[in-house]
Amino acid sequence: MLTIKEIAQIAGVSRGTVDRVINNREGVNPQTAERIRQILDSLNYSPNVAGQSLAARKKSLKFGVILFNGVGFFSSIENGIQRKCKELADYGVTVFLRYIDYNDVNSLLNAMEELKEAGVCGIVMPPLADTQVADQIDRYYESGIRTVTYYCDIEHTKRLAYVGIDNCECGRVIGNVMGLIAPSGALAVVSGRWTNSIHPERIKSCVEKMNKDYPAIHIVDHIVCDEDEISAYNAVTKLLAEHSDINLLLLNDLGSKGALRAVREAPYPVRVILHDRISPFRDELKQGTVSVIITQQPWVMGELPLDILFKYFALGVSPARDSYLTDVDIKVGENIRYDL
């Protein structure tokens, strides 16, 4: 494999310029940087992995991850986290996990403080839209602790990057899928608590899409309830009892197993579109209780933030982008191949 010095000679630039391009550092003319990347690609260049491993081990890096406790979607995120933790352990990286109550600002702030006291240099967290959280992220930045947000973002802070959902895109996809399944009829929406922007952004975009392209679908009701199985069961049971004309039901991130139990007990058929994980609902999807599951790569939200922190602290590589948006996946019974 060619050295950085040899690549610099081919490109007609200094070794420092090549190093900055490899590590995504600023200070290189964009045209020059693109030419160097083309040379690197043509040579199938990759950094010295053995050297990187040794350098990372010498640093004994510590990262922290904060997760919402008891929220179904986060179990799939945690699967990605656990896989990445095993990989990073080979590089001498320690990862501390902290579980907090869903959407509890004080629990989040306390978990951040605990991780700081544990000596972490990076924190992966769902931030919550609160000024106290934003201020703490900025204070930690000044003290050398970098934050990567996931699932939901908190803009205008000094976080290193965001990995997660584009809720507006997801809402448009959901609206289009529902229109394709049933171009006309009555839709009911059951959503989790609107304590952050995730749910309202998604539903707003979904409704706008349907109003524009499928005006024959009308929303008969929209219920917001706690994200647990009992609350969801009671909400859907009441909903279906009061509106016998419902033929479409959108379950948007909540206690979906309870909601689906209510659907199975309904006296008339309802087509269900679910926004959630895949693996707990494989059977419902294959049996037809659920028509479509929309998901947004929760495992990526678990793995990629830790990867960003590792490259930043171990290899000196800054994120190439400010935000890494997960793909919107559409799953039906015929294209389920693995658990997520």
C-alpha atoms as a PDB file:
ATOM      1  CA  MET A   1       0.000   0.000   0.000  1.00  0.00           C
ATOM      2  CA  LEU A   2       1.214   3.477  -0.824  1.00  0.00           C
ATOM      3  CA  THR A   3       2.193   5.824   2.003  1.00  0.00           C
ATOM      4  CA  ILE A   4       0.744   9.301   2.564  1.00  0.00           C
ATOM      5  CA  LYS A   5       4.046  10.712   1.307  1.00  0.00           C
ATOM      6  CA  GLU A   6       3.734   8.812  -1.976  1.00  0.00           C
ATOM      7  CA  ILE A   7       0.089   9.838  -2.393  1.00  0.00           C
ATOM      8  CA  ALA A   8       1.093  13.461  -1.791  1.00  0.00           C
ATOM      9  CA  GLN A   9       3.694  13.175  -4.551  1.00  0.00           C
ATOM     10  CA  ILE A  10       1.106  11.791  -6.982  1.00  0.00           C
ATOM     11  CA  ALA A  11      -1.316  14.604  -6.118  1.00  0.00           C
ATOM     12  CA  GLY A  12       1.382  17.281  -6.147  1.00  0.00           C
ATOM     13  CA  VAL A  13       0.528  18.488  -2.630  1.00  0.00           C
ATOM     14  CA  SER A  14       2.062  18.295   0.822  1.00  0.00           C
ATOM     15  CA  ARG A  15       1.724  15.319   3.176  1.00  0.00           C
ATOM     16  CA  GLY A  16      -0.207  17.557   5.563  1.00  0.00           C
ATOM     17  CA  THR A  17      -2.793  18.323   2.880  1.00  0.00           C
ATOM     18  CA  VAL A  18      -3.363  14.617   2.206  1.00  0.00           C
ATOM     19  CA  ASP A  19      -3.634  13.952   5.942  1.00  0.00           C
ATOM     20  CA  ARG A  20      -6.275  16.674   6.330  1.00  0.00           C
ATOM     21  CA  VAL A  21      -8.354  15.207   3.494  1.00  0.00           C
ATOM     22  CA  ILE A  22      -8.111  11.659   4.884  1.00  0.00           C
ATOM     23  CA  ASN A  23      -9.257  12.883   8.296  1.00  0.00           C
ATOM     24  CA  ASN A  24     -11.928  15.294   6.981  1.00  0.00           C
ATOM     25  CA  ARG A  25     -10.205  18.338   8.458  1.00  0.00           C
ATOM     26  CA  GLU A  26     -10.748  21.845   7.175  1.00  0.00           C
ATOM     27  CA  GLY A  27      -8.222  24.009   5.380  1.00  0.00           C
ATOM     28  CA  VAL A  28      -8.046  22.317   1.966  1.00  0.00           C
ATOM     29  CA  ASN A  29      -9.335  23.837  -1.261  1.00  0.00           C
ATOM     30  CA  PRO A  30     -12.509  21.891  -2.233  1.00  0.00           C
ATOM     31  CA  GLN A  31     -11.245  21.114  -5.748  1.00  0.00           C
ATOM     32  CA  THR A  32      -7.913  19.893  -4.356  1.00  0.00           C
ATOM     33  CA  ALA A  33      -9.685  17.802  -1.724  1.00  0.00           C
ATOM     34  CA  GLU A  34     -11.899  16.170  -4.349  1.00  0.00           C
ATOM     35  CA  ARG A  35      -8.879  15.361  -6.531  1.00  0.00           C
ATOM     36  CA  ILE A  36      -7.106  13.749  -3.576  1.00  0.00           C
ATOM     37  CA  ARG A  37     -10.206  11.687  -2.716  1.00  0.00           C
ATOM     38  CA  GLN A  38     -10.367  10.429  -6.299  1.00  0.00           C
ATOM     39  CA  ILE A  39      -6.732   9.350  -6.072  1.00  0.00           C
ATOM     40  CA  LEU A  40      -7.394   7.626  -2.739  1.00  0.00           C
ATOM     41  CA  ASP A  41     -10.402   5.800  -4.206  1.00  0.00           C
ATOM     42  CA  SER A  42      -8.497   4.699  -7.289  1.00  0.00           C
ATOM     43  CA  LEU A  43      -5.741   3.262  -5.082  1.00  0.00           C
ATOM     44  CA  ASN A  44      -8.223   1.620  -2.637  1.00  0.00           C
ATOM     45  CA  TYR A  45      -6.401   3.433   0.134  1.00  0.00           C
ATOM     46  CA  SER A  46      -7.366   2.718   3.744  1.00  0.00           C
ATOM     47  CA  PRO A  47      -5.607   3.912   6.920  1.00  0.00           C
ATOM     48  CA  ASN A  48      -3.387   1.595   8.917  1.00  0.00           C
ATOM     49  CA  VAL A  49      -5.923  -0.293  11.034  1.00  0.00           C
ATOM     50  CA  ALA A  50      -3.309  -1.871  13.285  1.00  0.00           C
ATOM     51  CA  GLY A  51      -1.805   1.516  14.003  1.00  0.00           C
ATOM     52  CA  GLN A  52      -5.227   2.977  14.700  1.00  0.00           C
ATOM     53  CA  SER A  53      -6.041   0.156  17.123  1.00  0.00           C
ATOM     54  CA  LEU A  54      -2.816   0.698  19.040  1.00  0.00           C
ATOM     55  CA  ALA A  55      -3.360   4.455  19.190  1.00  0.00           C
ATOM     56  CA  ALA A  56      -6.924   4.009  20.442  1.00  0.00           C
ATOM     57  CA  ARG A  57      -5.873   1.538  23.141  1.00  0.00           C
ATOM     58  CA  LYS A  58      -3.307   3.988  24.488  1.00  0.00           C
ATOM     59  CA  LYS A  59      -6.064   6.594  24.953  1.00  0.00           C
ATOM     60  CA  SER A  60      -8.399   4.325  27.026  1.00  0.00           C
ATOM     61  CA  LEU A  61     -11.438   6.181  25.762  1.00  0.00           C
ATOM     62  CA  LYS A  62     -14.691   6.315  27.754  1.00  0.00           C
ATOM     63  CA  PHE A  63     -18.070   7.079  26.189  1.00  0.00           C
ATOM     64  CA  GLY A  64     -21.536   7.331  27.692  1.00  0.00           C
ATOM     65  CA  VAL A  65     -24.905   6.428  26.160  1.00  0.00           C
ATOM     66  CA  ILE A  66     -28.288   7.543  27.497  1.00  0.00           C
ATOM     67  CA  LEU A  67     -31.418   5.536  26.664  1.00  0.00           C
ATOM     68  CA  PHE A  68     -35.113   5.951  27.434  1.00  0.00           C
ATOM     69  CA  ASN A  69     -36.201   3.092  29.664  1.00  0.00           C
ATOM     70  CA  GLY A  70     -39.256   1.030  28.698  1.00  0.00           C
ATOM     71  CA  VAL A  71     -39.825   2.585  25.255  1.00  0.00           C
ATOM     72  CA  GLY A  72     -40.107  -0.165  22.639  1.00  0.00           C
ATOM     73  CA  PHE A  73     -38.336   1.595  19.773  1.00  0.00           C
ATOM     74  CA  PHE A  74     -35.291   2.056  22.001  1.00  0.00           C
ATOM     75  CA  SER A  75     -34.785  -1.673  22.474  1.00  0.00           C
ATOM     76  CA  SER A  76     -33.850  -1.890  18.790  1.00  0.00           C
ATOM     77  CA  ILE A  77     -31.561   1.123  19.181  1.00  0.00           C
ATOM     78  CA  GLU A  78     -29.934  -0.627  22.134  1.00  0.00           C
ATOM     79  CA  ASN A  79     -29.296  -3.708  19.984  1.00  0.00           C
ATOM     80  CA  GLY A  80     -27.169  -1.525  17.714  1.00  0.00           C
ATOM     81  CA  ILE A  81     -25.427   0.006  20.716  1.00  0.00           C
ATOM     82  CA  GLN A  82     -24.546  -3.387  22.157  1.00  0.00           C
ATOM     83  CA  ARG A  83     -23.086  -4.572  18.848  1.00  0.00           C
ATOM     84  CA  LYS A  84     -20.953  -1.426  18.606  1.00  0.00           C
ATOM     85  CA  CYS A  85     -19.827  -1.753  22.231  1.00  0.00           C
ATOM     86  CA  LYS A  86     -18.437  -5.214  21.523  1.00  0.00           C
ATOM     87  CA  GLU A  87     -16.551  -3.877  18.520  1.00  0.00           C
ATOM     88  CA  LEU A  88     -15.140  -0.886  20.403  1.00  0.00           C
ATOM     89  CA  ALA A  89     -14.038  -3.093  23.310  1.00  0.00           C
ATOM     90  CA  ASP A  90     -11.363  -4.496  20.968  1.00  0.00           C
ATOM     91  CA  TYR A  91      -9.953  -0.960  20.822  1.00  0.00           C
ATOM     92  CA  GLY A  92      -9.927  -0.525  24.594  1.00  0.00           C
ATOM     93  CA  VAL A  93     -13.036   1.684  24.642  1.00  0.00           C
ATOM     94  CA  THR A  94     -15.341   1.584  27.668  1.00  0.00           C
ATOM     95  CA  VAL A  95     -19.014   2.477  27.174  1.00  0.00           C
ATOM     96  CA  PHE A  96     -21.291   3.334  30.101  1.00  0.00           C
ATOM     97  CA  LEU A  97     -25.064   2.959  29.638  1.00  0.00           C
ATOM     98  CA  ARG A  98     -27.559   5.070  31.571  1.00  0.00           C
ATOM     99  CA  TYR A  99     -31.334   4.469  31.471  1.00  0.00           C
ATOM    100  CA  ILE A 100     -33.734   7.304  32.199  1.00  0.00           C
ATOM    101  CA  ASP A 101     -37.494   7.864  32.315  1.00  0.00           C
ATOM    102  CA  TYR A 102     -39.070   8.725  28.980  1.00  0.00           C
ATOM    103  CA  ASN A 103     -38.965  12.456  28.245  1.00  0.00           C
ATOM    104  CA  ASP A 104     -37.807  13.310  31.784  1.00  0.00           C
ATOM    105  CA  VAL A 105     -35.541  16.361  31.558  1.00  0.00           C
ATOM    106  CA  ASN A 106     -34.215  16.077  35.114  1.00  0.00           C
ATOM    107  CA  SER A 107     -33.330  12.406  34.620  1.00  0.00           C
ATOM    108  CA  LEU A 108     -31.485  13.316  31.432  1.00  0.00           C
ATOM    109  CA  LEU A 109     -29.512  16.132  33.073  1.00  0.00           C
ATOM    110  CA  ASN A 110     -28.612  13.900  36.018  1.00  0.00           C
ATOM    111  CA  ALA A 111     -27.479  11.091  33.697  1.00  0.00           C
ATOM    112  CA  MET A 112     -25.250  13.540  31.812  1.00  0.00           C
ATOM    113  CA  GLU A 113     -23.669  14.627  35.110  1.00  0.00           C
ATOM    114  CA  GLU A 114     -23.108  11.005  36.152  1.00  0.00           C
ATOM    115  CA  LEU A 115     -21.350  10.274  32.886  1.00  0.00           C
ATOM    116  CA  LYS A 116     -19.214  13.380  33.225  1.00  0.00           C
ATOM    117  CA  GLU A 117     -18.169  12.264  36.709  1.00  0.00           C
ATOM    118  CA  ALA A 118     -17.309   8.838  35.259  1.00  0.00           C
ATOM    119  CA  GLY A 119     -14.755  10.544  33.029  1.00  0.00           C
ATOM    120  CA  VAL A 120     -16.350  10.155  29.613  1.00  0.00           C
ATOM    121  CA  CYS A 121     -15.140  12.274  26.721  1.00  0.00           C
ATOM    122  CA  GLY A 122     -18.261  11.732  24.597  1.00  0.00           C
ATOM    123  CA  ILE A 123     -21.983  11.260  25.235  1.00  0.00           C
ATOM    124  CA  VAL A 124     -24.635   9.768  22.939  1.00  0.00           C
ATOM    125  CA  MET A 125     -28.109  10.924  23.917  1.00  0.00           C
ATOM    126  CA  PRO A 126     -31.710  11.700  22.885  1.00  0.00           C
ATOM    127  CA  PRO A 127     -31.567  15.375  23.828  1.00  0.00           C
ATOM    128  CA  LEU A 128     -35.142  16.561  24.531  1.00  0.00           C
ATOM    129  CA  ALA A 129     -36.131  20.068  23.481  1.00  0.00           C
ATOM    130  CA  ASP A 130     -35.305  21.957  26.668  1.00  0.00           C
ATOM    131  CA  THR A 131     -33.092  25.001  27.249  1.00  0.00           C
ATOM    132  CA  GLN A 132     -31.432  23.339  30.251  1.00  0.00           C
ATOM    133  CA  VAL A 133     -30.348  20.431  28.074  1.00  0.00           C
ATOM    134  CA  ALA A 134     -29.095  22.754  25.337  1.00  0.00           C
ATOM    135  CA  ASP A 135     -27.082  24.786  27.844  1.00  0.00           C
ATOM    136  CA  GLN A 136     -25.555  21.647  29.337  1.00  0.00           C
ATOM    137  CA  ILE A 137     -24.484  20.355  25.925  1.00  0.00           C
ATOM    138  CA  ASP A 138     -22.743  23.680  25.272  1.00  0.00           C
ATOM    139  CA  ARG A 139     -21.054  23.715  28.699  1.00  0.00           C
ATOM    140  CA  TYR A 140     -19.788  20.191  28.176  1.00  0.00           C
ATOM    141  CA  TYR A 141     -18.357  21.189  24.808  1.00  0.00           C
ATOM    142  CA  GLU A 142     -16.281  23.888  26.482  1.00  0.00           C
ATOM    143  CA  SER A 143     -14.942  21.291  28.938  1.00  0.00           C
ATOM    144  CA  GLY A 144     -13.942  18.917  26.108  1.00  0.00           C
ATOM    145  CA  ILE A 145     -16.929  16.544  26.199  1.00  0.00           C
ATOM    146  CA  ARG A 146     -18.523  16.025  22.796  1.00  0.00           C
ATOM    147  CA  THR A 147     -22.180  15.092  22.333  1.00  0.00           C
ATOM    148  CA  VAL A 148     -23.832  13.175  19.506  1.00  0.00           C
ATOM    149  CA  THR A 149     -27.630  13.312  19.505  1.00  0.00           C
ATOM    150  CA  TYR A 150     -29.871  10.566  18.170  1.00  0.00           C
ATOM    151  CA  TYR A 151     -33.593   9.870  17.638  1.00  0.00           C
ATOM    152  CA  CYS A 152     -34.438  13.560  18.117  1.00  0.00           C
ATOM    153  CA  ASP A 153     -32.224  16.589  17.660  1.00  0.00           C
ATOM    154  CA  ILE A 154     -31.693  19.837  19.504  1.00  0.00           C
ATOM    155  CA  GLU A 155     -30.587  22.505  17.059  1.00  0.00           C
ATOM    156  CA  HIS A 156     -28.349  25.511  17.636  1.00  0.00           C
ATOM    157  CA  THR A 157     -26.160  23.713  20.157  1.00  0.00           C
ATOM    158  CA  LYS A 158     -22.529  22.624  20.026  1.00  0.00           C
ATOM    159  CA  ARG A 159     -23.376  18.970  19.585  1.00  0.00           C
ATOM    160  CA  LEU A 160     -20.963  17.128  17.293  1.00  0.00           C
ATOM    161  CA  ALA A 161     -23.580  15.554  15.019  1.00  0.00           C
ATOM    162  CA  TYR A 162     -27.134  14.213  14.862  1.00  0.00           C
ATOM    163  CA  VAL A 163     -28.083  10.671  13.830  1.00  0.00           C
ATOM    164  CA  GLY A 164     -31.750   9.980  13.414  1.00  0.00           C
ATOM    165  CA  ILE A 165     -35.136  10.542  11.938  1.00  0.00           C
ATOM    166  CA  ASP A 166     -36.325  12.989   9.315  1.00  0.00           C
ATOM    167  CA  ASN A 167     -39.861  13.169  10.659  1.00  0.00           C
ATOM    168  CA  CYS A 168     -41.245  15.220   7.790  1.00  0.00           C
ATOM    169  CA  GLU A 169     -40.017  12.711   5.223  1.00  0.00           C
ATOM    170  CA  CYS A 170     -41.355   9.854   7.318  1.00  0.00           C
ATOM    171  CA  GLY A 171     -44.766  11.522   7.580  1.00  0.00           C
ATOM    172  CA  ARG A 172     -44.963  11.942   3.818  1.00  0.00           C
ATOM    173  CA  VAL A 173     -44.068   8.280   3.296  1.00  0.00           C
ATOM    174  CA  ILE A 174     -46.738   7.187   5.784  1.00  0.00           C
ATOM    175  CA  GLY A 175     -49.341   9.388   4.069  1.00  0.00           C
ATOM    176  CA  ASN A 176     -48.466   7.978   0.662  1.00  0.00           C
ATOM    177  CA  VAL A 177     -48.528   4.371   1.889  1.00  0.00           C
ATOM    178  CA  MET A 178     -51.949   4.832   3.458  1.00  0.00           C
ATOM    179  CA  GLY A 179     -53.266   6.370   0.270  1.00  0.00           C
ATOM    180  CA  LEU A 180     -51.957   3.449  -1.782  1.00  0.00           C
ATOM    181  CA  ILE A 181     -53.516   0.925   0.595  1.00  0.00           C
ATOM    182  CA  ALA A 182     -56.932   2.613   0.724  1.00  0.00           C
ATOM    183  CA  PRO A 183     -57.333   5.714  -1.477  1.00  0.00           C
ATOM    184  CA  SER A 184     -60.571   6.600   0.298  1.00  0.00           C
ATOM    185  CA  GLY A 185     -62.136   6.022   3.668  1.00  0.00           C
ATOM    186  CA  ALA A 186     -61.888   6.968   7.329  1.00  0.00           C
ATOM    187  CA  LEU A 187     -58.547   7.249   9.113  1.00  0.00           C
ATOM    188  CA  ALA A 188     -57.906   7.289  12.849  1.00  0.00           C
ATOM    189  CA  VAL A 189     -54.524   8.186  14.360  1.00  0.00           C
ATOM    190  CA  VAL A 190     -53.228   7.042  17.737  1.00  0.00           C
ATOM    191  CA  SER A 191     -50.005   8.754  18.749  1.00  0.00           C
ATOM    192  CA  GLY A 192     -47.626   8.960  21.689  1.00  0.00           C
ATOM    193  CA  ARG A 193     -47.412  12.032  23.896  1.00  0.00           C
ATOM    194  CA  TRP A 194     -46.383  15.189  22.069  1.00  0.00           C
ATOM    195  CA  THR A 195     -43.655  16.181  24.490  1.00  0.00           C
ATOM    196  CA  ASN A 196     -41.185  16.857  21.707  1.00  0.00           C
ATOM    197  CA  SER A 197     -41.361  17.696  18.021  1.00  0.00           C
ATOM    198  CA  ILE A 198     -41.157  14.122  16.736  1.00  0.00           C
ATOM    199  CA  HIS A 199     -44.839  13.192  16.757  1.00  0.00           C
ATOM    200  CA  PRO A 200     -46.381  16.505  15.620  1.00  0.00           C
ATOM    201  CA  GLU A 201     -43.886  16.916  12.755  1.00  0.00           C
ATOM    202  CA  ARG A 202     -44.566  13.407  11.502  1.00  0.00           C
ATOM    203  CA  ILE A 203     -48.357  13.628  11.748  1.00  0.00           C
ATOM    204  CA  LYS A 204     -48.473  17.120  10.227  1.00  0.00           C
ATOM    205  CA  SER A 205     -46.502  15.977   7.151  1.00  0.00           C
ATOM    206  CA  CYS A 206     -48.620  12.828   6.876  1.00  0.00           C
ATOM    207  CA  VAL A 207     -51.869  14.812   6.897  1.00  0.00           C
ATOM    208  CA  GLU A 208     -50.509  17.342   4.379  1.00  0.00           C
ATOM    209  CA  LYS A 209     -49.554  14.511   2.018  1.00  0.00           C
ATOM    210  CA  MET A 210     -52.973  12.884   2.250  1.00  0.00           C
ATOM    211  CA  ASN A 211     -54.842  16.181   1.833  1.00  0.00           C
ATOM    212  CA  LYS A 212     -52.830  16.892  -1.285  1.00  0.00           C
ATOM    213  CA  ASP A 213     -52.840  13.496  -3.006  1.00  0.00           C
ATOM    214  CA  TYR A 214     -55.632  11.499  -1.324  1.00  0.00           C
ATOM    215  CA  PRO A 215     -58.422  13.951  -0.437  1.00  0.00           C
ATOM    216  CA  ALA A 216     -60.963  11.111  -0.242  1.00  0.00           C
ATOM    217  CA  ILE A 217     -59.363   9.973   3.020  1.00  0.00           C
ATOM    218  CA  HIS A 218     -60.738  11.856   6.001  1.00  0.00           C
ATOM    219  CA  ILE A 219     -59.447  11.792   9.581  1.00  0.00           C
ATOM    220  CA  VAL A 220     -62.233  10.888  11.997  1.00  0.00           C
ATOM    221  CA  ASP A 221     -60.186  11.148  15.184  1.00  0.00           C
ATOM    222  CA  HIS A 222     -56.673  11.641  16.551  1.00  0.00           C
ATOM    223  CA  ILE A 223     -55.951  10.323  20.031  1.00  0.00           C
ATOM    224  CA  VAL A 224     -52.790  11.101  21.998  1.00  0.00           C
ATOM    225  CA  CYS A 225     -52.056   8.683  24.846  1.00  0.00           C
ATOM    226  CA  ASP A 226     -49.279   7.371  27.051  1.00  0.00           C
ATOM    227  CA  GLU A 227     -46.818   5.031  25.353  1.00  0.00           C
ATOM    228  CA  ASP A 228     -47.675   1.839  27.212  1.00  0.00           C
ATOM    229  CA  GLU A 229     -49.705  -1.206  26.219  1.00  0.00           C
ATOM    230  CA  ILE A 230     -52.642  -0.637  28.585  1.00  0.00           C
ATOM    231  CA  SER A 231     -53.129   3.005  27.548  1.00  0.00           C
ATOM    232  CA  ALA A 232     -52.891   2.091  23.864  1.00  0.00           C
ATOM    233  CA  TYR A 233     -55.315  -0.824  24.252  1.00  0.00           C
ATOM    234  CA  ASN A 234     -57.893   1.329  26.002  1.00  0.00           C
ATOM    235  CA  ALA A 235     -57.503   4.168  23.492  1.00  0.00           C
ATOM    236  CA  VAL A 236     -57.932   1.955  20.421  1.00  0.00           C
ATOM    237  CA  THR A 237     -60.804  -0.040  21.946  1.00  0.00           C
ATOM    238  CA  LYS A 238     -62.694   3.186  22.685  1.00  0.00           C
ATOM    239  CA  LEU A 239     -61.854   4.601  19.269  1.00  0.00           C
ATOM    240  CA  LEU A 240     -63.116   1.599  17.309  1.00  0.00           C
ATOM    241  CA  ALA A 241     -66.268   1.404  19.426  1.00  0.00           C
ATOM    242  CA  GLU A 242     -67.136   5.042  18.720  1.00  0.00           C
ATOM    243  CA  HIS A 243     -66.311   5.063  14.986  1.00  0.00           C
ATOM    244  CA  SER A 244     -67.518   1.987  13.115  1.00  0.00           C
ATOM    245  CA  ASP A 245     -66.565   3.527   9.767  1.00  0.00           C
ATOM    246  CA  ILE A 246     -62.795   3.434  10.404  1.00  0.00           C
ATOM    247  CA  ASN A 247     -60.932   1.386   7.779  1.00  0.00           C
ATOM    248  CA  LEU A 248     -57.434   2.811   8.320  1.00  0.00           C
ATOM    249  CA  LEU A 249     -55.563   3.062  11.615  1.00  0.00           C
ATOM    250  CA  LEU A 250     -52.156   4.708  12.075  1.00  0.00           C
ATOM    251  CA  LEU A 251     -50.288   3.671  15.222  1.00  0.00           C
ATOM    252  CA  ASN A 252     -47.514   6.194  15.710  1.00  0.00           C
ATOM    253  CA  ASP A 253     -44.838   5.118  18.235  1.00  0.00           C
ATOM    254  CA  LEU A 254     -46.677   3.904  21.307  1.00  0.00           C
ATOM    255  CA  GLY A 255     -47.609   0.671  23.120  1.00  0.00           C
ATOM    256  CA  SER A 256     -48.364  -1.032  19.842  1.00  0.00           C
ATOM    257  CA  LYS A 257     -48.897  -4.551  21.206  1.00  0.00           C
ATOM    258  CA  GLY A 258     -51.792  -3.313  23.302  1.00  0.00           C
ATOM    259  CA  ALA A 259     -53.203  -1.378  20.355  1.00  0.00           C
ATOM    260  CA  LEU A 260     -53.000  -4.436  18.113  1.00  0.00           C
ATOM    261  CA  ARG A 261     -54.808  -6.554  20.705  1.00  0.00           C
ATOM    262  CA  ALA A 262     -57.672  -4.064  20.473  1.00  0.00           C
ATOM    263  CA  VAL A 263     -57.614  -4.324  16.665  1.00  0.00           C
ATOM    264  CA  ARG A 264     -57.861  -8.119  16.814  1.00  0.00           C
ATOM    265  CA  GLU A 265     -60.874  -7.814  19.129  1.00  0.00           C
ATOM    266  CA  ALA A 266     -62.643  -5.281  16.864  1.00  0.00           C
ATOM    267  CA  PRO A 267     -65.943  -6.451  15.288  1.00  0.00           C
ATOM    268  CA  TYR A 268     -64.893  -5.214  11.831  1.00  0.00           C
ATOM    269  CA  PRO A 269     -61.629  -5.296   9.820  1.00  0.00           C
ATOM    270  CA  VAL A 270     -59.192  -2.386  10.021  1.00  0.00           C
ATOM    271  CA  ARG A 271     -56.008  -1.916   8.041  1.00  0.00           C
ATOM    272  CA  VAL A 272     -53.158  -0.929  10.332  1.00  0.00           C
ATOM    273  CA  ILE A 273     -50.058   1.081   9.469  1.00  0.00           C
ATOM    274  CA  LEU A 274     -47.505   0.886  12.253  1.00  0.00           C
ATOM    275  CA  HIS A 275     -44.528   3.166  12.846  1.00  0.00           C
ATOM    276  CA  ASP A 276     -42.236   1.147  15.083  1.00  0.00           C
ATOM    277  CA  ARG A 277     -39.674  -1.631  15.175  1.00  0.00           C
ATOM    278  CA  ILE A 278     -39.880  -4.779  13.065  1.00  0.00           C
ATOM    279  CA  SER A 279     -38.942  -7.794  15.197  1.00  0.00           C
ATOM    280  CA  PRO A 280     -41.751  -7.688  17.830  1.00  0.00           C
ATOM    281  CA  PHE A 281     -44.389  -7.458  15.099  1.00  0.00           C
ATOM    282  CA  ARG A 282     -43.179 -10.003  12.548  1.00  0.00           C
ATOM    283  CA  ASP A 283     -46.090 -12.365  13.184  1.00  0.00           C
ATOM    284  CA  GLU A 284     -48.705  -9.584  13.051  1.00  0.00           C
ATOM    285  CA  LEU A 285     -47.256  -8.440   9.743  1.00  0.00           C
ATOM    286  CA  LYS A 286     -47.173 -11.911   8.233  1.00  0.00           C
ATOM    287  CA  GLN A 287     -50.667 -12.750   9.504  1.00  0.00           C
ATOM    288  CA  GLY A 288     -52.138  -9.511   8.198  1.00  0.00           C
ATOM    289  CA  THR A 289     -53.074  -7.829  11.483  1.00  0.00           C
ATOM    290  CA  VAL A 290     -50.609  -5.120  10.393  1.00  0.00           C
ATOM    291  CA  SER A 291     -50.585  -4.142   6.716  1.00  0.00           C
ATOM    292  CA  VAL A 292     -47.326  -2.162   6.708  1.00  0.00           C
ATOM    293  CA  ILE A 293     -44.600  -1.261   9.187  1.00  0.00           C
ATOM    294  CA  ILE A 294     -42.673   1.952   8.638  1.00  0.00           C
ATOM    295  CA  THR A 295     -39.350   2.037  10.429  1.00  0.00           C
ATOM    296  CA  GLN A 296     -36.247   4.200  10.312  1.00  0.00           C
ATOM    297  CA  GLN A 297     -33.245   1.995  10.952  1.00  0.00           C
ATOM    298  CA  PRO A 298     -33.094   2.119  14.768  1.00  0.00           C
ATOM    299  CA  TRP A 299     -29.936  -0.007  14.766  1.00  0.00           C
ATOM    300  CA  VAL A 300     -28.155   2.784  12.863  1.00  0.00           C
ATOM    301  CA  MET A 301     -29.110   5.218  15.640  1.00  0.00           C
ATOM    302  CA  GLY A 302     -27.375   2.843  18.039  1.00  0.00           C
ATOM    303  CA  GLU A 303     -24.204   2.112  16.100  1.00  0.00           C
ATOM    304  CA  LEU A 304     -23.347   5.269  14.172  1.00  0.00           C
ATOM    305  CA  PRO A 305     -23.174   7.809  17.061  1.00  0.00           C
ATOM    306  CA  LEU A 306     -20.596   5.672  18.867  1.00  0.00           C
ATOM    307  CA  ASP A 307     -18.685   5.249  15.621  1.00  0.00           C
ATOM    308  CA  ILE A 308     -18.626   9.034  15.174  1.00  0.00           C
ATOM    309  CA  LEU A 309     -17.245   9.542  18.681  1.00  0.00           C
ATOM    310  CA  PHE A 310     -14.613   6.842  18.196  1.00  0.00           C
ATOM    311  CA  LYS A 311     -13.314   8.274  14.953  1.00  0.00           C
ATOM    312  CA  TYR A 312     -13.294  11.769  16.449  1.00  0.00           C
ATOM    313  CA  PHE A 313     -11.336  10.941  19.596  1.00  0.00           C
ATOM    314  CA  ALA A 314      -9.265   7.943  18.502  1.00  0.00           C
ATOM    315  CA  LEU A 315      -8.453   8.922  14.929  1.00  0.00           C
ATOM    316  CA  GLY A 316      -8.944  12.685  14.887  1.00  0.00           C
ATOM    317  CA  VAL A 317     -11.622  12.438  12.210  1.00  0.00           C
ATOM    318  CA  SER A 318     -14.455  14.959  12.447  1.00  0.00           C
ATOM    319  CA  PRO A 319     -17.921  14.026  11.137  1.00  0.00           C
ATOM    320  CA  ALA A 320     -18.256  14.671   7.430  1.00  0.00           C
ATOM    321  CA  ARG A 321     -21.791  15.987   7.960  1.00  0.00           C
ATOM    322  CA  ASP A 322     -23.776  17.799  10.595  1.00  0.00           C
ATOM    323  CA  SER A 323     -26.672  15.345  10.378  1.00  0.00           C
ATOM    324  CA  TYR A 324     -26.935  11.683   9.385  1.00  0.00           C
ATOM    325  CA  LEU A 325     -30.559  10.905   8.554  1.00  0.00           C
ATOM    326  CA  THR A 326     -31.733   7.320   8.644  1.00  0.00           C
ATOM    327  CA  ASP A 327     -33.603   5.784   5.728  1.00  0.00           C
ATOM    328  CA  VAL A 328     -37.365   5.301   5.820  1.00  0.00           C
ATOM    329  CA  ASP A 329     -37.984   1.575   5.332  1.00  0.00           C
ATOM    330  CA  ILE A 330     -41.323   0.101   4.251  1.00  0.00           C
ATOM    331  CA  LYS A 331     -41.843  -3.475   5.404  1.00  0.00           C
ATOM    332  CA  VAL A 332     -44.629  -5.880   4.451  1.00  0.00           C
ATOM    333  CA  GLY A 333     -44.993  -9.576   5.188  1.00  0.00           C
ATOM    334  CA  GLU A 334     -43.048 -10.599   2.094  1.00  0.00           C
ATOM    335  CA  ASN A 335     -39.840  -8.609   2.739  1.00  0.00           C
ATOM    336  CA  ILE A 336     -39.095  -9.418   6.368  1.00  0.00           C
ATOM    337  CA  ARG A 337     -35.779 -11.246   6.380  1.00  0.00           C
ATOM    338  CA  TYR A 338     -34.206 -10.537   9.768  1.00  0.00           C
ATOM    339  CA  ASP A 339     -34.885  -9.101  13.194  1.00  0.00           C
ATOM    340  CA  LEU A 340     -34.183  -5.422  13.825  1.00  0.00           C
END
